[in-house]
Structures are given as structure tokens and as C-alpha cells.
Amino acid sequence: MGMPFELNTMIVTKGLEERVSGNLFTLTKAGYRLYPLDIPLEVRKTKDSDPNGTGIIKKVELENEQTVIVYELISLNSTN
């Protein structure tokens, strides 16, 4: 029996990210997802929105049919 698994190359928050401290955030996603570690990735609110910034994933945890990532926001795109 297989399990569903998804490979992601950008961080899509849908506004559900939580600040841990400073520029460090956690995000919990449903299902099992694999993300590249220590590589800059676009951070977006939705899959089709413009990038909000760039983040580097520091930690990925797969448990109980969900994925928890810890990422550091290294740059923020501003409209100002």
C-alpha cells in the first residue's frame, strides 16, 4: 500500500504561518510533503499570487498525515 507524497519547490502559506521568533516561522500543511532544505525558495500567500519574499527551510517534520516546516524569511518583497 502506497502513501500520497508531494514534492514542493515553493512555500505557500495561505496566511497560516506562525512567527516563532524574529524571521523564523512555522507552517503546518496537510499530507506528507517534501521540501528542499537550505535552499532559497519563494514564499507566496497562494500558489498563483506574486512572491511575498524568499525563505530557507531549516526543518521538515512528517507525522500524523501532516507536514510541519520551519523556515527563515531572508527577504521580503514590499509594495512601498
PDB file of N, CA and C in Angstrom:
ATOM      1  N   MET A   1       0.842  -1.174   0.000  1.00  0.00           N
ATOM      2  CA  MET A   1       0.000   0.000   0.000  1.00  0.00           C
ATOM      3  C   MET A   1       0.888   1.239   0.000  1.00  0.00           C
ATOM      4  N   GLY A   2       0.622   2.158  -0.907  1.00  0.00           N
ATOM      5  CA  GLY A   2       1.398   3.373  -1.010  1.00  0.00           C
ATOM      6  C   GLY A   2       0.821   4.490  -0.165  1.00  0.00           C
ATOM      7  N   MET A   3       1.579   5.570  -0.079  1.00  0.00           N
ATOM      8  CA  MET A   3       1.080   6.745   0.629  1.00  0.00           C
ATOM      9  C   MET A   3       1.249   7.959  -0.271  1.00  0.00           C
ATOM     10  N   PRO A   4       0.294   8.889  -0.234  1.00  0.00           N
ATOM     11  CA  PRO A   4       0.427  10.093  -1.052  1.00  0.00           C
ATOM     12  C   PRO A   4       1.581  10.948  -0.546  1.00  0.00           C
ATOM     13  N   PHE A   5       2.368  11.459  -1.476  1.00  0.00           N
ATOM     14  CA  PHE A   5       3.545  12.240  -1.138  1.00  0.00           C
ATOM     15  C   PHE A   5       3.700  13.332  -2.178  1.00  0.00           C
ATOM     16  N   GLU A   6       4.026  14.533  -1.770  1.00  0.00           N
ATOM     17  CA  GLU A   6       4.105  15.667  -2.686  1.00  0.00           C
ATOM     18  C   GLU A   6       5.470  16.333  -2.560  1.00  0.00           C
ATOM     19  N   LEU A   7       6.060  16.743  -3.674  1.00  0.00           N
ATOM     20  CA  LEU A   7       7.325  17.476  -3.686  1.00  0.00           C
ATOM     21  C   LEU A   7       7.015  18.944  -3.963  1.00  0.00           C
ATOM     22  N   ASN A   8       7.412  19.828  -3.054  1.00  0.00           N
ATOM     23  CA  ASN A   8       7.130  21.260  -3.191  1.00  0.00           C
ATOM     24  C   ASN A   8       8.414  22.042  -3.420  1.00  0.00           C
ATOM     25  N   THR A   9       8.337  23.039  -4.319  1.00  0.00           N
ATOM     26  CA  THR A   9       9.502  23.872  -4.618  1.00  0.00           C
ATOM     27  C   THR A   9       9.251  25.338  -4.306  1.00  0.00           C
ATOM     28  N   MET A  10       8.169  25.638  -3.601  1.00  0.00           N
ATOM     29  CA  MET A  10       7.921  26.974  -3.072  1.00  0.00           C
ATOM     30  C   MET A  10       7.113  26.824  -1.793  1.00  0.00           C
ATOM     31  N   ILE A  11       7.142  27.850  -0.961  1.00  0.00           N
ATOM     32  CA  ILE A  11       6.420  27.838   0.301  1.00  0.00           C
ATOM     33  C   ILE A  11       5.121  28.618   0.091  1.00  0.00           C
ATOM     34  N   VAL A  12       3.985  27.941   0.197  1.00  0.00           N
ATOM     35  CA  VAL A  12       2.669  28.574   0.037  1.00  0.00           C
ATOM     36  C   VAL A  12       2.015  28.588   1.410  1.00  0.00           C
ATOM     37  N   THR A  13       1.813  29.795   1.969  1.00  0.00           N
ATOM     38  CA  THR A  13       1.390  29.909   3.365  1.00  0.00           C
ATOM     39  C   THR A  13      -0.121  29.942   3.560  1.00  0.00           C
ATOM     40  N   LYS A  14      -0.869  30.471   2.607  1.00  0.00           N
ATOM     41  CA  LYS A  14      -2.313  30.676   2.749  1.00  0.00           C
ATOM     42  C   LYS A  14      -2.642  31.437   4.033  1.00  0.00           C
ATOM     43  N   GLY A  15      -1.692  32.221   4.524  1.00  0.00           N
ATOM     44  CA  GLY A  15      -1.891  33.020   5.726  1.00  0.00           C
ATOM     45  C   GLY A  15      -1.855  32.226   7.016  1.00  0.00           C
ATOM     46  N   LEU A  16      -1.398  30.982   6.976  1.00  0.00           N
ATOM     47  CA  LEU A  16      -1.418  30.111   8.153  1.00  0.00           C
ATOM     48  C   LEU A  16      -0.076  30.021   8.875  1.00  0.00           C
ATOM     49  N   GLU A  17       0.923  30.768   8.426  1.00  0.00           N
ATOM     50  CA  GLU A  17       2.234  30.711   9.064  1.00  0.00           C
ATOM     51  C   GLU A  17       2.162  31.345  10.458  1.00  0.00           C
ATOM     52  N   GLU A  18       3.022  30.863  11.350  1.00  0.00           N
ATOM     53  CA  GLU A  18       3.108  31.398  12.703  1.00  0.00           C
ATOM     54  C   GLU A  18       4.548  31.796  12.978  1.00  0.00           C
ATOM     55  N   ARG A  19       4.720  33.021  13.481  1.00  0.00           N
ATOM     56  CA  ARG A  19       6.068  33.502  13.799  1.00  0.00           C
ATOM     57  C   ARG A  19       6.549  32.834  15.079  1.00  0.00           C
ATOM     58  N   VAL A  20       7.754  32.258  15.012  1.00  0.00           N
ATOM     59  CA  VAL A  20       8.377  31.648  16.188  1.00  0.00           C
ATOM     60  C   VAL A  20       9.177  32.717  16.916  1.00  0.00           C
ATOM     61  N   SER A  21      10.060  33.378  16.192  1.00  0.00           N
ATOM     62  CA  SER A  21      10.854  34.489  16.715  1.00  0.00           C
ATOM     63  C   SER A  21      11.571  35.159  15.558  1.00  0.00           C
ATOM     64  N   GLY A  22      11.706  36.456  15.626  1.00  0.00           N
ATOM     65  CA  GLY A  22      12.409  37.184  14.575  1.00  0.00           C
ATOM     66  C   GLY A  22      11.874  36.860  13.196  1.00  0.00           C
ATOM     67  N   ASN A  23      12.718  36.316  12.334  1.00  0.00           N
ATOM     68  CA  ASN A  23      12.325  35.943  10.970  1.00  0.00           C
ATOM     69  C   ASN A  23      12.087  34.450  10.813  1.00  0.00           C
ATOM     70  N   LEU A  24      11.867  33.734  11.906  1.00  0.00           N
ATOM     71  CA  LEU A  24      11.642  32.291  11.889  1.00  0.00           C
ATOM     72  C   LEU A  24      10.151  32.002  12.011  1.00  0.00           C
ATOM     73  N   PHE A  25       9.638  31.168  11.103  1.00  0.00           N
ATOM     74  CA  PHE A  25       8.215  30.859  11.049  1.00  0.00           C
ATOM     75  C   PHE A  25       8.003  29.352  11.010  1.00  0.00           C
ATOM     76  N   THR A  26       6.826  28.895  11.471  1.00  0.00           N
ATOM     77  CA  THR A  26       6.405  27.507  11.285  1.00  0.00           C
ATOM     78  C   THR A  26       5.149  27.502  10.432  1.00  0.00           C
ATOM     79  N   LEU A  27       4.975  26.434   9.692  1.00  0.00           N
ATOM     80  CA  LEU A  27       3.809  26.269   8.831  1.00  0.00           C
ATOM     81  C   LEU A  27       3.439  24.790   8.827  1.00  0.00           C
ATOM     82  N   THR A  28       2.166  24.496   9.098  1.00  0.00           N
ATOM     83  CA  THR A  28       1.673  23.123   9.088  1.00  0.00           C
ATOM     84  C   THR A  28       0.811  22.917   7.857  1.00  0.00           C
ATOM     85  N   LYS A  29       1.137  21.897   7.085  1.00  0.00           N
ATOM     86  CA  LYS A  29       0.406  21.575   5.857  1.00  0.00           C
ATOM     87  C   LYS A  29      -0.176  20.169   5.972  1.00  0.00           C
ATOM     88  N   ALA A  30      -1.351  19.960   5.408  1.00  0.00           N
ATOM     89  CA  ALA A  30      -1.981  18.637   5.404  1.00  0.00           C
ATOM     90  C   ALA A  30      -1.237  17.717   4.445  1.00  0.00           C
ATOM     91  N   GLY A  31      -1.122  16.462   4.800  1.00  0.00           N
ATOM     92  CA  GLY A  31      -0.464  15.479   3.945  1.00  0.00           C
ATOM     93  C   GLY A  31       1.044  15.491   4.118  1.00  0.00           C
ATOM     94  N   TYR A  32       1.696  14.562   3.457  1.00  0.00           N
ATOM     95  CA  TYR A  32       3.149  14.446   3.504  1.00  0.00           C
ATOM     96  C   TYR A  32       3.748  15.200   2.326  1.00  0.00           C
ATOM     97  N   ARG A  33       4.661  16.112   2.625  1.00  0.00           N
ATOM     98  CA  ARG A  33       5.285  16.953   1.603  1.00  0.00           C
ATOM     99  C   ARG A  33       6.793  16.985   1.826  1.00  0.00           C
ATOM    100  N   LEU A  34       7.520  16.999   0.741  1.00  0.00           N
ATOM    101  CA  LEU A  34       8.973  17.077   0.807  1.00  0.00           C
ATOM    102  C   LEU A  34       9.405  18.434   0.279  1.00  0.00           C
ATOM    103  N   TYR A  35      10.291  19.096   1.006  1.00  0.00           N
ATOM    104  CA  TYR A  35      10.821  20.401   0.622  1.00  0.00           C
ATOM    105  C   TYR A  35      12.341  20.334   0.615  1.00  0.00           C
ATOM    106  N   PRO A  36      12.994  21.071  -0.290  1.00  0.00           N
ATOM    107  CA  PRO A  36      14.457  21.142  -0.236  1.00  0.00           C
ATOM    108  C   PRO A  36      14.894  21.977   0.971  1.00  0.00           C
ATOM    109  N   LEU A  37      15.948  21.542   1.649  1.00  0.00           N
ATOM    110  CA  LEU A  37      16.466  22.255   2.810  1.00  0.00           C
ATOM    111  C   LEU A  37      17.621  23.157   2.409  1.00  0.00           C
ATOM    112  N   ASP A  38      17.743  24.277   3.124  1.00  0.00           N
ATOM    113  CA  ASP A  38      18.879  25.201   2.990  1.00  0.00           C
ATOM    114  C   ASP A  38      19.057  25.767   1.583  1.00  0.00           C
ATOM    115  N   ILE A  39      17.959  25.888   0.843  1.00  0.00           N
ATOM    116  CA  ILE A  39      17.973  26.486  -0.496  1.00  0.00           C
ATOM    117  C   ILE A  39      16.908  27.587  -0.513  1.00  0.00           C
ATOM    118  N   PRO A  40      17.222  28.776  -1.011  1.00  0.00           N
ATOM    119  CA  PRO A  40      16.207  29.835  -1.065  1.00  0.00           C
ATOM    120  C   PRO A  40      15.009  29.445  -1.937  1.00  0.00           C
ATOM    121  N   LEU A  41      13.795  29.603  -1.382  1.00  0.00           N
ATOM    122  CA  LEU A  41      12.543  29.317  -2.082  1.00  0.00           C
ATOM    123  C   LEU A  41      11.625  30.525  -2.004  1.00  0.00           C
ATOM    124  N   GLU A  42      10.793  30.693  -3.021  1.00  0.00           N
ATOM    125  CA  GLU A  42       9.800  31.765  -2.994  1.00  0.00           C
ATOM    126  C   GLU A  42       8.769  31.483  -1.907  1.00  0.00           C
ATOM    127  N   VAL A  43       8.357  32.539  -1.205  1.00  0.00           N
ATOM    128  CA  VAL A  43       7.276  32.447  -0.229  1.00  0.00           C
ATOM    129  C   VAL A  43       6.086  33.186  -0.822  1.00  0.00           C
ATOM    130  N   ARG A  44       4.954  32.502  -0.940  1.00  0.00           N
ATOM    131  CA  ARG A  44       3.748  33.082  -1.528  1.00  0.00           C
ATOM    132  C   ARG A  44       2.560  32.839  -0.610  1.00  0.00           C
ATOM    133  N   LYS A  45       1.583  33.730  -0.678  1.00  0.00           N
ATOM    134  CA  LYS A  45       0.350  33.542   0.094  1.00  0.00           C
ATOM    135  C   LYS A  45      -0.513  32.448  -0.548  1.00  0.00           C
ATOM    136  N   THR A  46      -0.634  32.479  -1.874  1.00  0.00           N
ATOM    137  CA  THR A  46      -1.321  31.423  -2.616  1.00  0.00           C
ATOM    138  C   THR A  46      -0.413  30.983  -3.756  1.00  0.00           C
ATOM    139  N   LYS A  47      -0.728  29.850  -4.344  1.00  0.00           N
ATOM    140  CA  LYS A  47       0.105  29.314  -5.420  1.00  0.00           C
ATOM    141  C   LYS A  47       0.213  30.268  -6.603  1.00  0.00           C
ATOM    142  N   ASP A  48      -0.858  31.009  -6.882  1.00  0.00           N
ATOM    143  CA  ASP A  48      -0.883  31.880  -8.057  1.00  0.00           C
ATOM    144  C   ASP A  48      -0.575  33.343  -7.755  1.00  0.00           C
ATOM    145  N   SER A  49      -0.324  33.690  -6.491  1.00  0.00           N
ATOM    146  CA  SER A  49      -0.038  35.084  -6.149  1.00  0.00           C
ATOM    147  C   SER A  49       1.425  35.429  -6.435  1.00  0.00           C
ATOM    148  N   ASP A  50       1.730  36.720  -6.406  1.00  0.00           N
ATOM    149  CA  ASP A  50       3.115  37.161  -6.550  1.00  0.00           C
ATOM    150  C   ASP A  50       3.891  36.764  -5.297  1.00  0.00           C
ATOM    151  N   PRO A  51       5.196  36.534  -5.433  1.00  0.00           N
ATOM    152  CA  PRO A  51       6.002  36.164  -4.259  1.00  0.00           C
ATOM    153  C   PRO A  51       6.010  37.275  -3.211  1.00  0.00           C
ATOM    154  N   ASN A  52       5.847  36.888  -1.939  1.00  0.00           N
ATOM    155  CA  ASN A  52       5.930  37.835  -0.827  1.00  0.00           C
ATOM    156  C   ASN A  52       7.363  38.018  -0.370  1.00  0.00           C
ATOM    157  N   GLY A  53       8.201  37.038  -0.657  1.00  0.00           N
ATOM    158  CA  GLY A  53       9.588  37.096  -0.226  1.00  0.00           C
ATOM    159  C   GLY A  53      10.297  35.799  -0.549  1.00  0.00           C
ATOM    160  N   THR A  54      11.421  35.608   0.141  1.00  0.00           N
ATOM    161  CA  THR A  54      12.236  34.412  -0.039  1.00  0.00           C
ATOM    162  C   THR A  54      12.522  33.816   1.327  1.00  0.00           C
ATOM    163  N   GLY A  55      12.433  32.494   1.415  1.00  0.00           N
ATOM    164  CA  GLY A  55      12.700  31.808   2.670  1.00  0.00           C
ATOM    165  C   GLY A  55      13.590  30.601   2.472  1.00  0.00           C
ATOM    166  N   ILE A  56      14.218  30.189   3.565  1.00  0.00           N
ATOM    167  CA  ILE A  56      15.052  28.994   3.570  1.00  0.00           C
ATOM    168  C   ILE A  56      14.482  28.048   4.615  1.00  0.00           C
ATOM    169  N   ILE A  57      14.146  26.839   4.201  1.00  0.00           N
ATOM    170  CA  ILE A  57      13.584  25.854   5.117  1.00  0.00           C
ATOM    171  C   ILE A  57      14.711  25.244   5.940  1.00  0.00           C
ATOM    172  N   LYS A  58      14.516  25.283   7.243  1.00  0.00           N
ATOM    173  CA  LYS A  58      15.518  24.781   8.188  1.00  0.00           C
ATOM    174  C   LYS A  58      15.167  23.394   8.720  1.00  0.00           C
ATOM    175  N   LYS A  59      13.860  23.062   8.761  1.00  0.00           N
ATOM    176  CA  LYS A  59      13.450  21.797   9.360  1.00  0.00           C
ATOM    177  C   LYS A  59      12.135  21.342   8.745  1.00  0.00           C
ATOM    178  N   VAL A  60      12.008  20.032   8.504  1.00  0.00           N
ATOM    179  CA  VAL A  60      10.778  19.425   7.995  1.00  0.00           C
ATOM    180  C   VAL A  60      10.439  18.236   8.888  1.00  0.00           C
ATOM    181  N   GLU A  61       9.196  18.201   9.391  1.00  0.00           N
ATOM    182  CA  GLU A  61       8.731  17.073  10.198  1.00  0.00           C
ATOM    183  C   GLU A  61       7.505  16.460   9.536  1.00  0.00           C
ATOM    184  N   LEU A  62       7.526  15.148   9.331  1.00  0.00           N
ATOM    185  CA  LEU A  62       6.400  14.416   8.757  1.00  0.00           C
ATOM    186  C   LEU A  62       5.819  13.524   9.845  1.00  0.00           C
ATOM    187  N   GLU A  63       4.545  13.756  10.199  1.00  0.00           N
ATOM    188  CA  GLU A  63       3.934  12.979  11.259  1.00  0.00           C
ATOM    189  C   GLU A  63       2.422  13.146  11.233  1.00  0.00           C
ATOM    190  N   ASN A  64       1.708  12.074  11.497  1.00  0.00           N
ATOM    191  CA  ASN A  64       0.246  12.102  11.599  1.00  0.00           C
ATOM    192  C   ASN A  64      -0.430  12.702  10.363  1.00  0.00           C
ATOM    193  N   GLU A  65       0.045  12.319   9.187  1.00  0.00           N
ATOM    194  CA  GLU A  65      -0.507  12.778   7.911  1.00  0.00           C
ATOM    195  C   GLU A  65      -0.474  14.290   7.744  1.00  0.00           C
ATOM    196  N   GLN A  66       0.555  14.909   8.324  1.00  0.00           N
ATOM    197  CA  GLN A  66       0.773  16.338   8.097  1.00  0.00           C
ATOM    198  C   GLN A  66       2.265  16.634   8.093  1.00  0.00           C
ATOM    199  N   THR A  67       2.606  17.777   7.526  1.00  0.00           N
ATOM    200  CA  THR A  67       3.982  18.212   7.427  1.00  0.00           C
ATOM    201  C   THR A  67       4.118  19.540   8.147  1.00  0.00           C
ATOM    202  N   VAL A  68       5.116  19.645   9.004  1.00  0.00           N
ATOM    203  CA  VAL A  68       5.410  20.898   9.693  1.00  0.00           C
ATOM    204  C   VAL A  68       6.781  21.358   9.217  1.00  0.00           C
ATOM    205  N   ILE A  69       6.849  22.588   8.700  1.00  0.00           N
ATOM    206  CA  ILE A  69       8.135  23.138   8.274  1.00  0.00           C
ATOM    207  C   ILE A  69       8.479  24.340   9.143  1.00  0.00           C
ATOM    208  N   VAL A  70       9.764  24.519   9.340  1.00  0.00           N
ATOM    209  CA  VAL A  70      10.295  25.712   9.999  1.00  0.00           C
ATOM    210  C   VAL A  70      11.151  26.399   8.953  1.00  0.00           C
ATOM    211  N   TYR A  71      10.832  27.658   8.664  1.00  0.00           N
ATOM    212  CA  TYR A  71      11.607  28.378   7.659  1.00  0.00           C
ATOM    213  C   TYR A  71      11.992  29.764   8.150  1.00  0.00           C
ATOM    214  N   GLU A  72      13.095  30.256   7.589  1.00  0.00           N
ATOM    215  CA  GLU A  72      13.584  31.587   7.903  1.00  0.00           C
ATOM    216  C   GLU A  72      13.316  32.486   6.702  1.00  0.00           C
ATOM    217  N   LEU A  73      12.645  33.599   6.947  1.00  0.00           N
ATOM    218  CA  LEU A  73      12.386  34.574   5.896  1.00  0.00           C
ATOM    219  C   LEU A  73      13.641  35.412   5.729  1.00  0.00           C
ATOM    220  N   ILE A  74      14.278  35.313   4.553  1.00  0.00           N
ATOM    221  CA  ILE A  74      15.541  36.017   4.354  1.00  0.00           C
ATOM    222  C   ILE A  74      15.380  37.315   3.572  1.00  0.00           C
ATOM    223  N   SER A  75      14.262  37.447   2.851  1.00  0.00           N
ATOM    224  CA  SER A  75      13.977  38.718   2.184  1.00  0.00           C
ATOM    225  C   SER A  75      12.467  38.867   2.054  1.00  0.00           C
ATOM    226  N   LEU A  76      12.016  40.114   2.067  1.00  0.00           N
ATOM    227  CA  LEU A  76      10.596  40.413   1.992  1.00  0.00           C
ATOM    228  C   LEU A  76      10.368  41.394   0.853  1.00  0.00           C
ATOM    229  N   ASN A  77       9.454  41.055  -0.050  1.00  0.00           N
ATOM    230  CA  ASN A  77       9.099  41.952  -1.144  1.00  0.00           C
ATOM    231  C   ASN A  77       8.047  42.921  -0.637  1.00  0.00           C
ATOM    232  N   SER A  78       8.268  44.201  -0.837  1.00  0.00           N
ATOM    233  CA  SER A  78       7.360  45.217  -0.339  1.00  0.00           C
ATOM    234  C   SER A  78       6.796  46.025  -1.501  1.00  0.00           C
ATOM    235  N   THR A  79       5.561  46.492  -1.357  1.00  0.00           N
ATOM    236  CA  THR A  79       4.956  47.315  -2.399  1.00  0.00           C
ATOM    237  C   THR A  79       5.281  48.785  -2.204  1.00  0.00           C
ATOM    238  N   ASN A  80       5.940  49.131  -1.112  1.00  0.00           N
ATOM    239  CA  ASN A  80       6.288  50.540  -0.840  1.00  0.00           C
ATOM    240  C   ASN A  80       7.531  50.952  -1.557  1.00  0.00           C
TER     241      ASN A  80
END
